[in-house]
Protein backbone atom coordinates (compact mmCIF):
# COMPACT_ATOMS: atom_id res chain seq x y z
CA MET A 1 -51.20 84.13 -64.95
CA ALA A 2 -48.60 81.43 -64.35
CA GLY A 3 -49.66 78.38 -62.40
CA PRO A 4 -48.20 77.31 -59.02
CA ASP A 5 -45.25 75.61 -60.74
CA GLY A 6 -44.76 78.29 -63.37
CA PRO A 7 -42.15 81.06 -63.71
CA SER A 8 -43.64 83.34 -61.01
CA HIS A 9 -43.48 80.58 -58.42
CA ARG A 10 -39.86 79.77 -59.26
CA ASN A 11 -38.85 83.43 -59.03
CA ASP A 12 -40.46 83.63 -55.57
CA LEU A 13 -38.50 80.57 -54.43
CA ASP A 14 -35.25 82.01 -55.77
CA ALA A 15 -35.87 85.21 -53.86
CA HIS A 16 -36.69 83.21 -50.72
CA PHE A 17 -33.45 81.19 -50.93
CA ALA A 18 -31.37 84.29 -51.60
CA GLY A 19 -32.82 86.03 -48.55
CA LEU A 20 -31.87 83.33 -46.07
CA PRO A 21 -29.05 84.15 -43.59
CA SER A 22 -25.63 82.77 -44.52
CA GLY A 23 -24.77 79.40 -43.01
CA ILE A 24 -28.24 77.87 -43.43
CA VAL A 25 -28.34 74.93 -45.82
CA VAL A 26 -31.56 74.39 -47.71
CA HIS A 27 -32.45 71.36 -49.80
CA ASP A 28 -33.91 72.65 -53.05
CA THR A 29 -36.69 70.21 -53.99
CA ARG A 30 -37.75 71.99 -57.16
CA PRO A 31 -37.74 69.92 -60.36
CA HIS A 32 -34.49 70.14 -62.32
CA GLY A 33 -33.09 68.76 -65.49
CA PRO A 34 -31.85 65.22 -66.04
CA ALA A 35 -30.04 63.77 -63.05
CA GLU A 36 -26.28 63.39 -63.15
CA PRO A 37 -25.06 59.86 -63.84
CA ALA A 38 -24.50 57.89 -60.68
CA ARG A 39 -20.88 57.81 -59.54
CA GLN A 40 -19.46 54.37 -60.19
CA PRO A 41 -17.97 52.53 -57.21
CA ALA A 42 -14.21 52.11 -57.07
CA PRO A 43 -13.03 48.85 -58.66
CA PRO A 44 -11.67 46.11 -56.40
CA THR A 45 -7.95 46.06 -55.73
CA ALA A 46 -5.73 43.20 -56.81
CA GLU A 47 -6.45 41.51 -53.49
CA GLY A 48 -10.19 41.69 -54.09
CA ILE A 49 -10.84 44.30 -51.39
CA VAL A 50 -13.07 47.21 -52.29
CA PRO A 51 -11.18 50.26 -51.03
CA PRO A 52 -13.06 52.54 -48.66
CA VAL A 53 -14.25 55.90 -49.89
CA SER A 54 -11.79 58.62 -49.00
CA ALA A 55 -12.71 61.10 -46.30
CA ALA A 56 -15.22 63.61 -47.54
CA GLU A 57 -13.93 67.06 -48.36
CA PRO A 58 -15.76 70.14 -47.05
CA GLY A 59 -19.02 70.45 -48.94
CA ASP A 60 -18.81 66.88 -50.25
CA THR A 61 -22.17 65.15 -49.77
CA ARG A 62 -21.18 61.67 -51.00
CA LEU A 63 -22.47 58.76 -48.92
CA ARG A 64 -20.42 55.79 -47.78
CA GLY A 65 -23.02 53.42 -49.14
CA THR A 66 -22.75 49.65 -48.85
CA PRO A 67 -19.98 48.49 -46.50
CA ALA A 68 -16.85 47.13 -48.15
CA HIS A 69 -16.27 43.39 -48.39
CA VAL A 70 -13.29 41.08 -48.69
CA GLY A 71 -13.11 38.23 -51.15
CA GLY A 72 -14.24 38.03 -54.75
CA ARG A 73 -17.96 38.32 -53.96
CA PRO A 74 -19.99 39.93 -51.18
CA PRO A 75 -22.02 37.78 -48.77
CA SER A 76 -25.42 36.59 -50.00
CA TYR A 77 -27.33 38.37 -47.24
CA PRO A 78 -28.46 41.96 -47.93
CA PRO A 79 -26.06 44.49 -46.34
CA HIS A 80 -28.73 46.30 -44.33
CA PRO A 81 -31.36 45.56 -41.64
CA LEU A 82 -34.53 43.88 -42.84
CA ARG A 83 -37.20 42.71 -40.41
CA CYS A 84 -37.09 43.58 -36.73
CA PRO A 85 -38.77 42.02 -33.66
CA SER A 86 -42.34 43.02 -32.85
CA VAL A 87 -43.74 44.10 -29.50
CA ARG A 88 -46.65 41.73 -30.18
CA GLU A 89 -44.26 38.79 -30.06
CA GLY A 90 -44.09 39.21 -26.28
CA ASP A 91 -40.37 39.98 -25.83
CA GLU A 92 -40.22 43.72 -25.21
CA PHE A 93 -36.47 43.68 -24.56
CA ALA A 94 -35.91 42.26 -28.04
CA ALA A 95 -38.40 44.64 -29.62
CA PHE A 96 -36.66 47.70 -28.15
CA THR A 97 -33.06 46.60 -28.77
CA PRO A 98 -31.61 48.67 -31.66
CA ALA A 99 -29.86 46.99 -34.57
CA VAL A 100 -26.79 49.18 -33.98
CA LEU A 101 -25.23 50.54 -30.80
CA LEU A 102 -22.47 53.13 -31.32
CA ASP A 103 -20.34 54.72 -28.61
CA GLY A 104 -17.02 56.42 -28.01
CA ALA A 105 -15.01 58.51 -25.57
CA GLN A 106 -11.88 60.61 -25.10
CA VAL A 107 -10.32 59.96 -21.67
CA GLU A 108 -6.95 61.67 -21.17
CA ARG A 109 -4.78 60.28 -23.98
CA LEU A 110 -7.09 57.35 -24.65
CA THR A 111 -9.55 57.45 -27.55
CA VAL A 112 -12.26 54.81 -27.67
CA ARG A 113 -14.57 53.75 -30.46
CA GLY A 114 -17.12 50.98 -30.01
CA VAL A 115 -19.95 49.48 -32.02
CA SER A 116 -22.31 46.53 -31.70
CA VAL A 117 -24.07 45.57 -34.92
CA ARG A 118 -26.82 43.04 -35.53
CA GLY A 119 -25.53 40.25 -37.77
CA ASP A 120 -26.75 39.50 -41.27
CA SER A 121 -28.46 36.28 -40.19
CA HIS A 122 -30.39 38.05 -37.42
CA ASN A 123 -31.34 40.83 -39.82
CA TRP A 124 -32.70 38.20 -42.21
CA GLU A 125 -34.60 36.31 -39.50
CA GLY A 126 -35.96 39.42 -37.83
CA SER A 127 -34.43 38.48 -34.47
CA CYS A 128 -32.72 40.96 -32.18
CA ARG A 129 -29.03 41.66 -31.59
CA GLN A 130 -27.71 39.27 -28.92
CA ASP A 131 -24.38 41.06 -28.44
CA ALA A 132 -23.94 43.85 -25.90
CA MET A 133 -21.19 46.30 -24.96
CA THR A 134 -20.39 49.13 -22.58
CA VAL A 135 -17.80 51.91 -22.43
CA THR A 136 -17.45 53.59 -19.04
CA ARG A 137 -15.07 54.62 -16.24
CA ILE A 138 -14.79 53.14 -12.76
CA GLY A 139 -12.98 54.07 -9.57
CA PRO A 140 -12.08 57.39 -7.93
CA PRO A 141 -10.05 60.04 -9.81
CA ASP A 142 -6.75 58.90 -8.26
CA ALA A 143 -7.37 55.26 -9.18
CA GLU A 144 -9.49 55.57 -12.29
CA LEU A 145 -9.84 52.79 -14.84
CA LEU A 146 -11.41 52.82 -18.28
CA LEU A 147 -13.74 49.82 -18.43
CA LEU A 148 -14.63 48.28 -21.79
CA ALA A 149 -16.91 45.24 -21.82
CA ILE A 150 -18.47 43.02 -24.48
CA ALA A 151 -20.83 40.06 -24.22
CA ASP A 152 -22.22 37.62 -26.76
CA GLY A 153 -25.49 35.91 -25.89
CA VAL A 154 -25.45 32.18 -26.68
CA GLY A 155 -27.73 31.68 -29.67
CA SER A 156 -29.43 28.56 -28.31
CA ALA A 157 -30.43 30.28 -25.04
CA ARG A 158 -33.92 31.80 -25.10
CA TYR A 159 -33.08 35.08 -23.34
CA SER A 160 -29.36 35.36 -24.08
CA HIS A 161 -29.90 38.87 -25.48
CA VAL A 162 -31.13 39.90 -22.02
CA GLY A 163 -28.31 38.08 -20.25
CA SER A 164 -25.59 39.73 -22.32
CA HIS A 165 -26.85 43.24 -21.55
CA ARG A 166 -27.40 42.60 -17.87
CA VAL A 167 -24.13 40.85 -17.14
CA ILE A 168 -21.88 43.61 -18.49
CA HIS A 169 -23.72 46.24 -16.46
CA GLN A 170 -23.58 44.26 -13.22
CA ALA A 171 -19.95 43.28 -13.79
CA ALA A 172 -19.09 46.98 -14.18
CA VAL A 173 -20.92 47.83 -10.94
CA HIS A 174 -19.04 45.14 -8.99
CA LEU A 175 -15.69 46.07 -10.51
CA ASP A 176 -16.29 49.70 -9.59
CA ARG A 177 -16.50 48.58 -5.94
CA GLU A 178 -13.13 46.84 -6.36
CA ALA A 179 -11.50 49.53 -8.51
CA GLU A 180 -8.98 50.72 -5.92
CA ASN A 181 -7.88 47.16 -5.11
CA MET A 182 -7.61 46.46 -8.84
CA TYR A 183 -5.52 49.58 -9.31
CA VAL A 184 -3.10 48.59 -6.54
CA ALA A 185 -2.78 45.08 -7.96
CA LEU A 186 -2.00 46.48 -11.41
CA ILE A 187 0.77 48.71 -10.04
CA ALA A 188 2.16 45.74 -8.08
CA ARG A 189 1.77 43.49 -11.15
CA ASP A 190 -0.01 40.95 -8.98
CA GLU A 191 -1.79 38.79 -11.54
CA SER A 192 -3.11 36.30 -8.97
CA GLU A 193 -4.81 39.12 -7.06
CA LEU A 194 -6.28 40.47 -10.27
CA ARG A 195 -7.69 37.04 -11.06
CA ALA A 196 -9.21 36.78 -7.58
CA ILE A 197 -10.85 40.20 -7.92
CA ALA A 198 -12.20 39.31 -11.36
CA ASN A 199 -13.75 36.09 -10.06
CA LYS A 200 -15.27 37.92 -7.10
CA ALA A 201 -16.84 40.51 -9.41
CA ILE A 202 -18.30 37.87 -11.74
CA VAL A 203 -19.72 35.84 -8.87
CA GLY A 204 -21.32 39.01 -7.50
CA ALA A 205 -22.78 39.93 -10.88
CA ILE A 206 -24.26 36.47 -11.40
CA SER A 207 -25.68 36.42 -7.86
CA ASP A 208 -27.39 39.78 -8.39
CA LEU A 209 -28.92 38.68 -11.67
CA SER A 210 -30.00 35.21 -10.57
CA ILE A 211 -29.83 34.18 -14.21
CA ASP A 212 -30.07 30.61 -15.50
CA GLN A 213 -29.09 28.88 -18.72
CA ASP A 214 -31.87 30.66 -20.61
CA TYR A 215 -29.70 33.79 -20.23
CA ALA A 216 -26.32 32.21 -21.15
CA THR A 217 -23.71 34.66 -22.42
CA THR A 218 -19.98 35.15 -22.82
CA LEU A 219 -18.21 38.12 -21.20
CA HIS A 220 -14.90 39.94 -21.73
CA VAL A 221 -13.76 43.00 -19.80
CA LEU A 222 -10.70 45.15 -20.52
CA LEU A 223 -9.47 47.58 -17.84
CA VAL A 224 -7.05 50.36 -18.78
CA PRO A 225 -5.70 52.91 -16.22
CA THR A 226 -6.35 56.46 -17.37
CA ASP A 227 -2.97 57.49 -15.91
CA ALA A 228 -0.57 57.29 -18.88
CA ARG A 229 2.35 56.44 -16.58
CA ILE A 230 0.85 53.02 -15.81
CA ARG A 231 1.44 50.69 -18.74
CA GLU A 232 -0.24 47.58 -17.30
CA ARG A 233 -3.71 46.54 -18.45
CA VAL A 234 -5.87 43.61 -17.44
CA LEU A 235 -8.24 41.47 -19.46
CA PHE A 236 -10.55 38.84 -18.08
CA GLY A 237 -13.33 36.86 -19.61
CA VAL A 238 -15.37 33.75 -20.16
CA GLY A 239 -16.06 32.22 -23.57
CA ASP A 240 -15.05 32.96 -27.14
CA GLY A 241 -14.05 36.33 -28.55
CA GLY A 242 -11.46 38.43 -26.77
CA LEU A 243 -8.51 40.77 -27.33
CA PHE A 244 -6.15 41.57 -30.20
CA VAL A 245 -3.33 44.12 -30.26
CA LEU A 246 -2.31 45.86 -33.48
CA ARG A 247 1.50 46.13 -33.45
CA GLU A 248 3.49 47.27 -36.48
CA GLY A 249 0.62 46.51 -38.82
CA ARG A 250 -0.09 43.00 -37.51
CA TRP A 251 -2.83 41.72 -35.20
CA GLU A 252 -1.50 39.75 -32.24
CA GLU A 253 -3.83 37.73 -30.04
CA GLY A 254 -3.79 38.92 -26.43
CA ASN A 255 -6.08 36.44 -24.69
CA PRO A 256 -5.07 34.49 -21.57
CA VAL A 257 -3.53 31.09 -22.26
CA ASP A 258 -5.64 28.15 -21.12
CA ASP A 259 -3.64 26.01 -18.68
CA GLY A 260 -5.75 22.93 -19.39
CA SER A 261 -7.70 23.06 -16.15
CA LEU A 262 -10.55 25.12 -17.56
CA LEU A 263 -13.47 24.27 -19.79
CA ASP A 264 -13.11 24.40 -23.55
CA THR A 265 -13.56 28.05 -24.62
CA ARG A 266 -16.06 27.03 -27.26
CA THR A 267 -18.53 25.89 -24.62
CA GLU A 268 -17.84 28.36 -21.83
CA ALA A 269 -20.58 30.79 -20.95
CA LEU A 270 -22.06 32.43 -17.91
CA PRO A 271 -23.68 31.62 -15.57
CA HIS A 272 -22.43 28.04 -15.25
CA ALA A 273 -18.76 28.85 -16.05
CA TYR A 274 -18.29 31.68 -13.56
CA ARG A 275 -15.48 29.70 -11.89
CA SER A 276 -13.64 29.54 -15.22
CA VAL A 277 -12.83 33.24 -15.51
CA LYS A 278 -9.45 33.73 -17.17
CA ALA A 279 -7.38 36.82 -16.36
CA ASN A 280 -4.35 38.23 -18.15
CA MET A 281 -2.17 41.23 -17.29
CA PHE A 282 -0.12 42.74 -20.12
CA ARG A 283 1.71 45.92 -21.13
CA THR A 284 1.16 48.14 -24.13
CA GLU A 285 3.00 51.07 -25.65
CA PRO A 286 1.62 54.28 -27.19
CA GLY A 287 0.85 53.75 -30.85
CA GLU A 288 -0.51 50.24 -30.39
CA VAL A 289 -4.23 49.67 -30.93
CA LEU A 290 -6.28 47.42 -28.65
CA LEU A 291 -9.26 45.57 -30.13
CA LEU A 292 -11.82 43.86 -27.90
CA GLY A 293 -14.39 41.90 -29.85
CA THR A 294 -16.98 39.14 -29.91
CA ASP A 295 -16.45 36.19 -32.23
CA GLY A 296 -18.40 38.03 -34.93
CA ILE A 297 -15.18 39.97 -35.58
CA THR A 298 -12.45 37.83 -34.00
CA ASN A 299 -13.37 34.79 -36.13
CA PRO A 300 -12.91 36.53 -39.51
CA LEU A 301 -9.88 38.32 -38.06
CA THR A 302 -8.17 34.94 -37.58
CA GLN A 303 -9.23 33.23 -40.80
CA ARG A 304 -6.50 31.72 -42.94
CA ASP A 305 -7.04 34.27 -45.68
CA PRO A 306 -5.51 37.49 -44.26
CA GLU A 307 -7.57 39.96 -46.32
CA PHE A 308 -10.00 40.84 -43.54
CA ALA A 309 -7.24 41.34 -40.98
CA GLN A 310 -5.20 43.45 -43.39
CA HIS A 311 -8.22 45.55 -44.27
CA LEU A 312 -8.90 46.48 -40.63
CA ALA A 313 -5.21 46.94 -39.87
CA HIS A 314 -5.07 49.50 -42.66
CA ALA A 315 -8.27 51.21 -41.49
CA TRP A 316 -7.35 51.39 -37.80
CA GLY A 317 -3.56 51.41 -37.80
CA GLY A 318 -3.11 55.15 -38.18
CA PRO A 319 -2.06 57.53 -35.41
CA GLU A 320 -5.54 59.02 -35.11
CA ALA A 321 -8.81 57.31 -34.32
CA PRO A 322 -11.56 57.46 -36.95
CA SER A 323 -14.76 59.37 -36.38
CA LEU A 324 -17.68 57.46 -34.91
CA SER A 325 -19.44 57.20 -38.27
CA ASP A 326 -16.26 56.07 -40.05
CA PHE A 327 -15.61 53.47 -37.35
CA LEU A 328 -19.12 52.06 -37.76
CA TRP A 329 -18.71 51.81 -41.53
CA GLN A 330 -15.27 50.17 -41.22
CA ALA A 331 -16.45 47.70 -38.56
CA GLN A 332 -19.18 46.54 -40.95
CA THR A 333 -16.66 45.24 -43.49
CA ARG A 334 -18.19 42.01 -44.72
CA ALA A 335 -16.82 38.51 -45.32
CA LYS A 336 -18.70 35.48 -46.63
CA SER A 337 -19.80 32.91 -44.01
CA TYR A 338 -19.43 35.39 -41.13
CA ASP A 339 -22.99 36.53 -40.45
CA ASP A 340 -23.13 36.65 -36.63
CA ASP A 341 -23.61 39.77 -34.52
CA ARG A 342 -20.41 41.81 -34.41
CA THR A 343 -19.23 43.87 -31.46
CA VAL A 344 -15.86 45.61 -31.41
CA ILE A 345 -14.27 48.23 -29.14
CA CYS A 346 -10.92 49.78 -30.10
CA VAL A 347 -8.57 51.93 -28.02
CA TRP A 348 -5.97 54.34 -29.42
CA GLU A 349 -3.44 56.05 -27.19
CA GLY A 350 -1.78 59.31 -28.13
CA THR A 351 1.99 59.58 -27.93
CA GLN A 352 1.96 63.05 -26.40
């Protein structure tokens, strides 16, 4: 009689698989012949950029694999999480903060994709992600605003990872209370009123949190009316990072201009710089892509070598937003010397 792995057993398995209802996918773990040779990765282009894998066809089980990189060589750090914080180290917030936060939404004609990824250096050290983000809506239906917020905890501050998460949530709560006033100011194009509301919201958020310099963090908030007839948007923030707009294949910086009366943006952070909130009102047109990001993505986006910027412009410049998984993979595009946490939220607006 054949053993458990002999012909009788295989015939039973074949009969079992054949009897399953259609539509159920089963992974056959039986031993097979020699494995197929591994598919070789696509060679780099003339510019040194590894092209992304094309969208999978129905039934195609290929994996994206290692994120693409720009430049002749990939960064030295491994391209995946290594150690992570331990509960025994005494910082439960760090221990329970995931390496990746992925989110998205479809609000009227607006499509949002957002991701916050732990940087290579933090993966190597086993420390937690200090960046934070949120994607939500504020205000009543007749004055609704899409709120997108990012924060980057200052690396030298002991609990900056806590501060970044808390400040975006409290800022959203305070802005929700001011949503109708913000909406009216946008329609009236009253930038001074928008700045006053932004400062009021930040002061309220900081007061609620009672945070000190151990919780230092940057903050940037983008507000977009969900009513397609209103073309004005408002951005306000403290610290580095900020907004870029993809127009005709090129990234244009959309941050407020410093008038010289504020602190240097390289040193600004909450809570001590809450009186240095910058605000900027601007207009966009359907087809343009808004990118809100921490310096983990805005720094390589503005490097002298344009490969990184061109790579993301190609990935995100189409008329349709990528899927959540594609957006995550694209946002992880690597560049040497840029190993910080990376948080990016993009907005696409349909033309119809």
